[in-house]
Amino acid sequence: MNHDTEQAKLVVFDDGRGRFGPLTQVWPAFAIRSGALRGATRIANALQRRACGGVVPETHVAIAREAYAGTPINQLVELGAVLAVNGRWSGMDRTIVEAIENLRPGDALTTPQGDLLAAFTTGETLEQRGVQQLSAEHASWGGEQRVC
C-alpha cells in the first residue's frame, strides 16, 4: 500500500448500475446484505479500513442516511483525500485489493466493461461532480487508468 492511499478515507459509492432486481430500487448496492455482511462492510474489511462516507443516487439518500446513521452520505467536502470504491464490488479478489491499495491521487481503476471500480480523488470533487459524472469522465482525469 502506498502512503497516499493509506492516508485516504474510504468512501463507498453506488453508481446506480446494480442489477439486484427490486432490491437496488430501494437500497444502495453497498447496503444489500449477502450472507452475514452488507457490501460496504465486505469492502471495508477487504481494504482493512472503516468506511467514512457514502455516495448514492438522490433516490436513495434518505434510506442510506438511516441505515448508516452518523456516516456522511453525499456530504463529503470535509473528508479531504478519498479512496472511492464501487459498492457493487464483492471485496473478495486479492488482486483488485492490491490494485486499489496502489492507486495514486488522480488514478482510477475500471472494469473491462468500463465501469468505475475505484478512484483516488477528493471528497469535494466526488460531491461536486457526483459518481455518474466521475464515471463518465474517469478516462480524462489526467491520472493513470488501469483495467482489472
N, C-alpha and C. Protein backbone atom coordinates (compact mmCIF):
# COMPACT_ATOMS: atom_id res chain seq x y z
N MET A 1 0.86 -1.17 0.00
CA MET A 1 0.00 0.00 0.00
C MET A 1 0.90 1.23 0.00
N ASN A 2 0.61 2.20 -0.87
CA ASN A 2 1.42 3.40 -0.87
C ASN A 2 0.93 4.36 0.21
N HIS A 3 1.79 5.29 0.59
CA HIS A 3 1.48 6.20 1.69
C HIS A 3 0.24 7.05 1.41
N ASP A 4 0.08 7.52 0.17
CA ASP A 4 -1.08 8.35 -0.17
C ASP A 4 -2.38 7.59 0.06
N THR A 5 -2.44 6.36 -0.43
CA THR A 5 -3.65 5.55 -0.28
C THR A 5 -3.93 5.25 1.19
N GLU A 6 -2.88 5.00 1.94
CA GLU A 6 -3.02 4.70 3.36
C GLU A 6 -3.68 5.85 4.11
N GLN A 7 -3.42 7.08 3.71
CA GLN A 7 -3.96 8.26 4.38
C GLN A 7 -5.38 8.62 3.91
N ALA A 8 -5.78 8.13 2.74
CA ALA A 8 -7.09 8.48 2.19
C ALA A 8 -8.21 7.80 2.96
N LYS A 9 -9.34 8.47 3.04
CA LYS A 9 -10.52 7.91 3.71
C LYS A 9 -11.33 7.09 2.70
N LEU A 10 -11.90 5.99 3.16
CA LEU A 10 -12.70 5.13 2.29
C LEU A 10 -14.12 5.66 2.17
N VAL A 11 -14.56 5.81 0.92
CA VAL A 11 -15.93 6.18 0.60
C VAL A 11 -16.46 5.12 -0.36
N VAL A 12 -17.60 4.55 -0.03
CA VAL A 12 -18.22 3.54 -0.88
C VAL A 12 -19.33 4.22 -1.68
N PHE A 13 -19.38 3.95 -2.97
CA PHE A 13 -20.40 4.61 -3.79
C PHE A 13 -21.29 3.62 -4.53
N ASP A 14 -22.49 4.08 -4.81
CA ASP A 14 -23.46 3.33 -5.61
C ASP A 14 -23.58 4.08 -6.93
N ASP A 15 -23.15 3.44 -8.00
CA ASP A 15 -23.19 4.10 -9.31
C ASP A 15 -24.53 3.94 -10.01
N GLY A 16 -25.49 3.32 -9.35
CA GLY A 16 -26.82 3.17 -9.93
C GLY A 16 -26.93 2.10 -11.00
N ARG A 17 -25.90 1.27 -11.13
CA ARG A 17 -25.91 0.25 -12.17
C ARG A 17 -26.10 -1.16 -11.62
N GLY A 18 -26.47 -1.26 -10.35
CA GLY A 18 -26.67 -2.57 -9.74
C GLY A 18 -27.83 -3.31 -10.38
N ARG A 19 -27.69 -4.60 -10.54
CA ARG A 19 -28.73 -5.42 -11.16
C ARG A 19 -29.22 -6.46 -10.16
N PHE A 20 -29.67 -6.00 -9.03
CA PHE A 20 -30.16 -6.90 -8.00
C PHE A 20 -31.67 -6.79 -7.89
N GLY A 21 -32.31 -6.66 -9.05
CA GLY A 21 -33.77 -6.62 -9.10
C GLY A 21 -34.34 -5.48 -8.29
N PRO A 22 -35.42 -5.73 -7.61
CA PRO A 22 -36.09 -4.66 -6.87
C PRO A 22 -35.28 -4.17 -5.66
N LEU A 23 -34.30 -4.92 -5.20
CA LEU A 23 -33.53 -4.50 -4.04
C LEU A 23 -32.82 -3.18 -4.26
N THR A 24 -32.16 -3.01 -5.44
CA THR A 24 -31.43 -1.77 -5.68
C THR A 24 -32.34 -0.61 -6.08
N GLN A 25 -33.62 -0.89 -6.23
CA GLN A 25 -34.56 0.22 -6.44
C GLN A 25 -34.87 0.91 -5.11
N VAL A 26 -34.62 0.21 -4.01
CA VAL A 26 -34.90 0.74 -2.68
C VAL A 26 -33.61 1.03 -1.92
N TRP A 27 -32.64 0.15 -2.01
CA TRP A 27 -31.40 0.23 -1.23
C TRP A 27 -30.21 0.53 -2.12
N PRO A 28 -29.20 1.25 -1.59
CA PRO A 28 -27.94 1.37 -2.33
C PRO A 28 -27.32 -0.03 -2.46
N ALA A 29 -26.60 -0.28 -3.53
CA ALA A 29 -26.00 -1.60 -3.76
C ALA A 29 -25.13 -2.04 -2.59
N PHE A 30 -24.39 -1.10 -1.99
CA PHE A 30 -23.49 -1.47 -0.90
C PHE A 30 -24.21 -1.76 0.42
N ALA A 31 -25.51 -1.47 0.50
CA ALA A 31 -26.27 -1.72 1.72
C ALA A 31 -26.98 -3.07 1.69
N ILE A 32 -26.92 -3.75 0.56
CA ILE A 32 -27.58 -5.05 0.44
C ILE A 32 -26.74 -6.11 1.15
N ARG A 33 -27.42 -6.88 1.97
CA ARG A 33 -26.77 -7.93 2.73
C ARG A 33 -26.64 -9.18 1.86
N SER A 34 -25.45 -9.76 1.86
CA SER A 34 -25.23 -11.03 1.18
C SER A 34 -24.51 -11.91 2.19
N GLY A 35 -25.20 -12.92 2.65
CA GLY A 35 -24.67 -13.70 3.76
C GLY A 35 -24.79 -12.88 5.04
N ALA A 36 -23.75 -12.86 5.82
CA ALA A 36 -23.79 -12.16 7.10
C ALA A 36 -23.48 -10.67 6.99
N LEU A 37 -22.93 -10.22 5.87
CA LEU A 37 -22.43 -8.84 5.78
C LEU A 37 -23.07 -8.05 4.64
N ARG A 38 -23.13 -6.75 4.85
CA ARG A 38 -23.51 -5.83 3.78
C ARG A 38 -22.28 -5.59 2.91
N GLY A 39 -22.54 -5.16 1.68
CA GLY A 39 -21.44 -4.91 0.74
C GLY A 39 -20.42 -3.93 1.27
N ALA A 40 -20.86 -2.84 1.89
CA ALA A 40 -19.93 -1.84 2.42
C ALA A 40 -19.01 -2.44 3.47
N THR A 41 -19.52 -3.34 4.28
CA THR A 41 -18.71 -3.99 5.31
C THR A 41 -17.69 -4.92 4.68
N ARG A 42 -18.08 -5.65 3.63
CA ARG A 42 -17.14 -6.52 2.93
C ARG A 42 -15.99 -5.71 2.34
N ILE A 43 -16.32 -4.60 1.73
CA ILE A 43 -15.31 -3.74 1.12
C ILE A 43 -14.37 -3.18 2.18
N ALA A 44 -14.93 -2.67 3.26
CA ALA A 44 -14.12 -2.12 4.35
C ALA A 44 -13.20 -3.20 4.93
N ASN A 45 -13.71 -4.39 5.12
CA ASN A 45 -12.90 -5.48 5.64
C ASN A 45 -11.77 -5.85 4.68
N ALA A 46 -12.08 -5.92 3.39
CA ALA A 46 -11.08 -6.29 2.39
C ALA A 46 -9.94 -5.27 2.35
N LEU A 47 -10.29 -3.99 2.53
CA LEU A 47 -9.28 -2.93 2.47
C LEU A 47 -8.72 -2.59 3.86
N GLN A 48 -9.21 -3.28 4.86
CA GLN A 48 -8.77 -3.11 6.24
C GLN A 48 -8.84 -1.66 6.71
N ARG A 49 -10.01 -1.08 6.49
CA ARG A 49 -10.28 0.28 6.96
C ARG A 49 -11.77 0.47 7.13
N ARG A 50 -12.15 1.53 7.79
CA ARG A 50 -13.55 1.84 8.04
C ARG A 50 -14.05 2.78 6.95
N ALA A 51 -15.27 2.54 6.47
CA ALA A 51 -15.88 3.44 5.50
C ALA A 51 -16.26 4.74 6.22
N CYS A 52 -15.80 5.85 5.67
CA CYS A 52 -16.05 7.16 6.29
C CYS A 52 -17.14 7.95 5.58
N GLY A 53 -17.71 7.41 4.51
CA GLY A 53 -18.75 8.12 3.79
C GLY A 53 -19.31 7.26 2.68
N GLY A 54 -20.41 7.74 2.11
CA GLY A 54 -21.06 7.03 1.02
C GLY A 54 -21.64 8.01 0.01
N VAL A 55 -21.73 7.57 -1.21
CA VAL A 55 -22.35 8.36 -2.27
C VAL A 55 -23.42 7.49 -2.91
N VAL A 56 -24.64 8.02 -2.98
CA VAL A 56 -25.77 7.28 -3.53
C VAL A 56 -26.58 8.18 -4.45
N PRO A 57 -27.38 7.60 -5.35
CA PRO A 57 -28.30 8.41 -6.14
C PRO A 57 -29.28 9.14 -5.21
N GLU A 58 -29.78 10.25 -5.62
CA GLU A 58 -30.68 11.06 -4.78
C GLU A 58 -31.88 10.26 -4.26
N THR A 59 -32.34 9.30 -5.05
CA THR A 59 -33.49 8.50 -4.63
C THR A 59 -33.19 7.61 -3.42
N HIS A 60 -31.91 7.42 -3.10
CA HIS A 60 -31.52 6.53 -2.01
C HIS A 60 -30.94 7.26 -0.79
N VAL A 61 -30.88 8.57 -0.82
CA VAL A 61 -30.23 9.32 0.25
C VAL A 61 -30.89 9.06 1.60
N ALA A 62 -32.19 9.16 1.69
CA ALA A 62 -32.87 9.01 2.99
C ALA A 62 -32.63 7.63 3.59
N ILE A 63 -32.78 6.58 2.80
CA ILE A 63 -32.60 5.22 3.34
C ILE A 63 -31.14 4.97 3.70
N ALA A 64 -30.20 5.52 2.92
CA ALA A 64 -28.78 5.34 3.23
C ALA A 64 -28.42 6.07 4.52
N ARG A 65 -28.96 7.27 4.71
CA ARG A 65 -28.68 8.01 5.94
C ARG A 65 -29.26 7.30 7.16
N GLU A 66 -30.40 6.65 6.98
CA GLU A 66 -31.00 5.88 8.08
C GLU A 66 -30.17 4.62 8.38
N ALA A 67 -29.77 3.92 7.33
CA ALA A 67 -29.02 2.67 7.52
C ALA A 67 -27.61 2.92 8.04
N TYR A 68 -27.03 4.06 7.68
CA TYR A 68 -25.65 4.39 8.08
C TYR A 68 -25.64 5.69 8.88
N ALA A 69 -26.46 5.75 9.91
CA ALA A 69 -26.55 6.94 10.76
C ALA A 69 -25.15 7.33 11.26
N GLY A 70 -24.86 8.62 11.16
CA GLY A 70 -23.57 9.11 11.61
C GLY A 70 -22.48 9.08 10.55
N THR A 71 -22.78 8.49 9.40
CA THR A 71 -21.82 8.43 8.29
C THR A 71 -22.28 9.43 7.22
N PRO A 72 -21.38 10.31 6.76
CA PRO A 72 -21.79 11.26 5.73
C PRO A 72 -22.22 10.56 4.44
N ILE A 73 -23.41 10.89 3.98
CA ILE A 73 -23.92 10.37 2.71
C ILE A 73 -24.13 11.58 1.80
N ASN A 74 -23.42 11.58 0.68
CA ASN A 74 -23.46 12.67 -0.29
C ASN A 74 -23.05 14.02 0.30
N GLN A 75 -22.30 14.02 1.37
CA GLN A 75 -21.78 15.23 2.01
C GLN A 75 -20.33 14.96 2.37
N LEU A 76 -19.44 15.15 1.42
CA LEU A 76 -18.08 14.64 1.56
C LEU A 76 -16.98 15.69 1.52
N VAL A 77 -17.34 16.97 1.39
CA VAL A 77 -16.34 18.02 1.21
C VAL A 77 -15.27 18.00 2.29
N GLU A 78 -15.66 17.75 3.52
CA GLU A 78 -14.73 17.80 4.65
C GLU A 78 -13.78 16.61 4.73
N LEU A 79 -13.98 15.58 3.92
CA LEU A 79 -13.18 14.37 4.05
C LEU A 79 -11.76 14.48 3.49
N GLY A 80 -11.50 15.42 2.60
CA GLY A 80 -10.16 15.51 2.01
C GLY A 80 -9.95 14.39 1.00
N ALA A 81 -8.76 13.77 1.03
CA ALA A 81 -8.42 12.71 0.08
C ALA A 81 -9.28 11.49 0.36
N VAL A 82 -9.89 10.94 -0.70
CA VAL A 82 -10.74 9.77 -0.53
C VAL A 82 -10.38 8.69 -1.54
N LEU A 83 -10.56 7.48 -1.09
CA LEU A 83 -10.47 6.31 -1.94
C LEU A 83 -11.91 5.88 -2.15
N ALA A 84 -12.45 6.20 -3.32
CA ALA A 84 -13.85 5.89 -3.63
C ALA A 84 -13.92 4.52 -4.29
N VAL A 85 -14.72 3.62 -3.70
CA VAL A 85 -14.81 2.25 -4.19
C VAL A 85 -16.26 1.92 -4.51
N ASN A 86 -16.47 1.31 -5.66
CA ASN A 86 -17.80 0.94 -6.12
C ASN A 86 -18.43 -0.08 -5.17
N GLY A 87 -19.63 0.22 -4.68
CA GLY A 87 -20.34 -0.64 -3.75
C GLY A 87 -20.79 -1.95 -4.35
N ARG A 88 -20.70 -2.12 -5.66
CA ARG A 88 -21.05 -3.40 -6.29
C ARG A 88 -19.91 -4.40 -6.22
N TRP A 89 -18.70 -3.94 -5.90
CA TRP A 89 -17.56 -4.84 -5.83
C TRP A 89 -17.71 -5.75 -4.61
N SER A 90 -17.40 -7.02 -4.78
CA SER A 90 -17.60 -8.00 -3.72
C SER A 90 -16.55 -7.93 -2.62
N GLY A 91 -15.42 -7.32 -2.89
CA GLY A 91 -14.35 -7.26 -1.90
C GLY A 91 -13.61 -8.56 -1.74
N MET A 92 -13.78 -9.48 -2.66
CA MET A 92 -13.23 -10.82 -2.46
C MET A 92 -12.03 -11.16 -3.35
N ASP A 93 -11.57 -10.26 -4.16
CA ASP A 93 -10.47 -10.54 -5.06
C ASP A 93 -9.21 -9.83 -4.59
N ARG A 94 -8.22 -10.58 -4.13
CA ARG A 94 -6.99 -10.00 -3.57
C ARG A 94 -6.23 -9.18 -4.61
N THR A 95 -6.28 -9.57 -5.88
CA THR A 95 -5.60 -8.81 -6.93
C THR A 95 -6.18 -7.41 -7.04
N ILE A 96 -7.50 -7.31 -6.94
CA ILE A 96 -8.15 -5.99 -7.00
C ILE A 96 -7.84 -5.20 -5.74
N VAL A 97 -7.80 -5.84 -4.59
CA VAL A 97 -7.43 -5.15 -3.34
C VAL A 97 -6.06 -4.50 -3.53
N GLU A 98 -5.11 -5.25 -4.05
CA GLU A 98 -3.76 -4.72 -4.25
C GLU A 98 -3.75 -3.57 -5.26
N ALA A 99 -4.54 -3.69 -6.32
CA ALA A 99 -4.61 -2.61 -7.31
C ALA A 99 -5.20 -1.34 -6.69
N ILE A 100 -6.24 -1.49 -5.86
CA ILE A 100 -6.85 -0.34 -5.19
C ILE A 100 -5.85 0.29 -4.23
N GLU A 101 -5.14 -0.54 -3.48
CA GLU A 101 -4.17 -0.03 -2.50
C GLU A 101 -3.01 0.71 -3.15
N ASN A 102 -2.76 0.45 -4.43
CA ASN A 102 -1.65 1.10 -5.13
C ASN A 102 -2.06 2.28 -5.99
N LEU A 103 -3.33 2.70 -5.90
CA LEU A 103 -3.76 3.88 -6.65
C LEU A 103 -3.03 5.12 -6.10
N ARG A 104 -2.76 6.04 -6.97
CA ARG A 104 -2.16 7.33 -6.60
C ARG A 104 -3.21 8.42 -6.86
N PRO A 105 -3.04 9.59 -6.26
CA PRO A 105 -4.01 10.67 -6.49
C PRO A 105 -4.27 10.89 -7.98
N GLY A 106 -5.54 10.89 -8.35
CA GLY A 106 -5.94 11.08 -9.74
C GLY A 106 -6.11 9.79 -10.52
N ASP A 107 -5.68 8.65 -9.96
CA ASP A 107 -5.79 7.37 -10.66
C ASP A 107 -7.21 6.81 -10.54
N ALA A 108 -7.56 5.98 -11.50
CA ALA A 108 -8.84 5.28 -11.49
C ALA A 108 -8.61 3.83 -11.89
N LEU A 109 -9.45 2.97 -11.38
CA LEU A 109 -9.41 1.55 -11.71
C LEU A 109 -10.78 1.22 -12.28
N THR A 110 -10.80 0.61 -13.46
CA THR A 110 -12.06 0.31 -14.12
C THR A 110 -12.17 -1.18 -14.41
N THR A 111 -13.40 -1.60 -14.64
CA THR A 111 -13.64 -2.98 -15.05
C THR A 111 -13.43 -3.08 -16.56
N PRO A 112 -13.30 -4.28 -17.12
CA PRO A 112 -13.17 -4.41 -18.57
C PRO A 112 -14.37 -3.80 -19.33
N GLN A 113 -15.53 -3.72 -18.66
CA GLN A 113 -16.72 -3.13 -19.29
C GLN A 113 -16.71 -1.61 -19.22
N GLY A 114 -15.72 -1.02 -18.54
CA GLY A 114 -15.61 0.42 -18.45
C GLY A 114 -16.25 1.04 -17.22
N ASP A 115 -16.78 0.22 -16.31
CA ASP A 115 -17.37 0.75 -15.08
C ASP A 115 -16.27 1.17 -14.12
N LEU A 116 -16.48 2.27 -13.45
CA LEU A 116 -15.53 2.75 -12.46
C LEU A 116 -15.58 1.83 -11.25
N LEU A 117 -14.45 1.23 -10.90
CA LEU A 117 -14.36 0.33 -9.75
C LEU A 117 -13.83 1.09 -8.53
N ALA A 118 -12.81 1.91 -8.74
CA ALA A 118 -12.23 2.67 -7.64
C ALA A 118 -11.52 3.89 -8.20
N ALA A 119 -11.44 4.92 -7.40
CA ALA A 119 -10.73 6.13 -7.80
C ALA A 119 -10.14 6.79 -6.57
N PHE A 120 -8.99 7.38 -6.75
CA PHE A 120 -8.35 8.16 -5.69
C PHE A 120 -8.62 9.61 -6.05
N THR A 121 -9.45 10.27 -5.30
CA THR A 121 -9.88 11.63 -5.60
C THR A 121 -10.03 12.39 -4.28
N THR A 122 -10.84 13.43 -4.27
CA THR A 122 -11.12 14.15 -3.03
C THR A 122 -12.62 14.13 -2.76
N GLY A 123 -12.98 14.29 -1.50
CA GLY A 123 -14.39 14.34 -1.14
C GLY A 123 -15.10 15.47 -1.86
N GLU A 124 -14.41 16.60 -1.99
CA GLU A 124 -15.00 17.76 -2.66
C GLU A 124 -15.30 17.46 -4.12
N THR A 125 -14.35 16.86 -4.83
CA THR A 125 -14.55 16.50 -6.23
C THR A 125 -15.69 15.50 -6.38
N LEU A 126 -15.71 14.51 -5.51
CA LEU A 126 -16.75 13.47 -5.58
C LEU A 126 -18.12 14.08 -5.32
N GLU A 127 -18.21 14.97 -4.34
CA GLU A 127 -19.50 15.60 -4.04
C GLU A 127 -19.94 16.54 -5.16
N GLN A 128 -19.02 17.33 -5.70
CA GLN A 128 -19.38 18.31 -6.73
C GLN A 128 -19.78 17.64 -8.04
N ARG A 129 -19.01 16.66 -8.46
CA ARG A 129 -19.27 16.04 -9.76
C ARG A 129 -20.26 14.90 -9.68
N GLY A 130 -20.28 14.20 -8.55
CA GLY A 130 -21.14 13.04 -8.42
C GLY A 130 -20.53 11.83 -9.11
N VAL A 131 -20.96 10.69 -8.70
CA VAL A 131 -20.41 9.44 -9.22
C VAL A 131 -20.68 9.29 -10.71
N GLN A 132 -21.89 9.66 -11.14
CA GLN A 132 -22.23 9.47 -12.56
C GLN A 132 -21.28 10.25 -13.46
N GLN A 133 -21.01 11.51 -13.11
CA GLN A 133 -20.12 12.32 -13.93
C GLN A 133 -18.69 11.81 -13.83
N LEU A 134 -18.25 11.45 -12.64
CA LEU A 134 -16.90 10.92 -12.50
C LEU A 134 -16.75 9.63 -13.29
N SER A 135 -17.76 8.77 -13.27
CA SER A 135 -17.70 7.53 -14.04
C SER A 135 -17.54 7.82 -15.52
N ALA A 136 -18.25 8.82 -16.01
CA ALA A 136 -18.18 9.18 -17.43
C ALA A 136 -16.85 9.84 -17.77
N GLU A 137 -16.24 10.54 -16.80
CA GLU A 137 -15.03 11.29 -17.07
C GLU A 137 -13.75 10.59 -16.64
N HIS A 138 -13.84 9.41 -16.04
CA HIS A 138 -12.65 8.83 -15.41
C HIS A 138 -11.44 8.74 -16.34
N ALA A 139 -11.66 8.59 -17.62
CA ALA A 139 -10.53 8.48 -18.54
C ALA A 139 -9.84 9.82 -18.77
N SER A 140 -10.50 10.93 -18.45
CA SER A 140 -9.91 12.24 -18.73
C SER A 140 -9.42 12.95 -17.48
N TRP A 141 -9.28 12.23 -16.37
CA TRP A 141 -8.83 12.87 -15.13
C TRP A 141 -7.39 13.31 -15.17
N GLY A 142 -6.60 12.74 -16.03
CA GLY A 142 -5.18 13.07 -16.06
C GLY A 142 -4.37 12.07 -15.26
N GLY A 143 -5.02 11.26 -14.46
CA GLY A 143 -4.32 10.22 -13.70
C GLY A 143 -4.24 8.95 -14.55
N GLU A 144 -3.62 7.95 -13.98
CA GLU A 144 -3.50 6.67 -14.68
C GLU A 144 -4.80 5.90 -14.55
N GLN A 145 -5.22 5.31 -15.64
CA GLN A 145 -6.42 4.47 -15.63
C GLN A 145 -5.98 3.05 -15.88
N ARG A 146 -6.35 2.16 -14.98
CA ARG A 146 -5.98 0.75 -15.12
C ARG A 146 -7.24 -0.09 -15.17
N VAL A 147 -7.20 -1.10 -16.01
CA VAL A 147 -8.32 -2.04 -16.11
C VAL A 147 -7.94 -3.30 -15.36
N CYS A 148 -8.88 -3.80 -14.55
CA CYS A 148 -8.60 -5.03 -13.82
C CYS A 148 -9.52 -6.13 -14.31
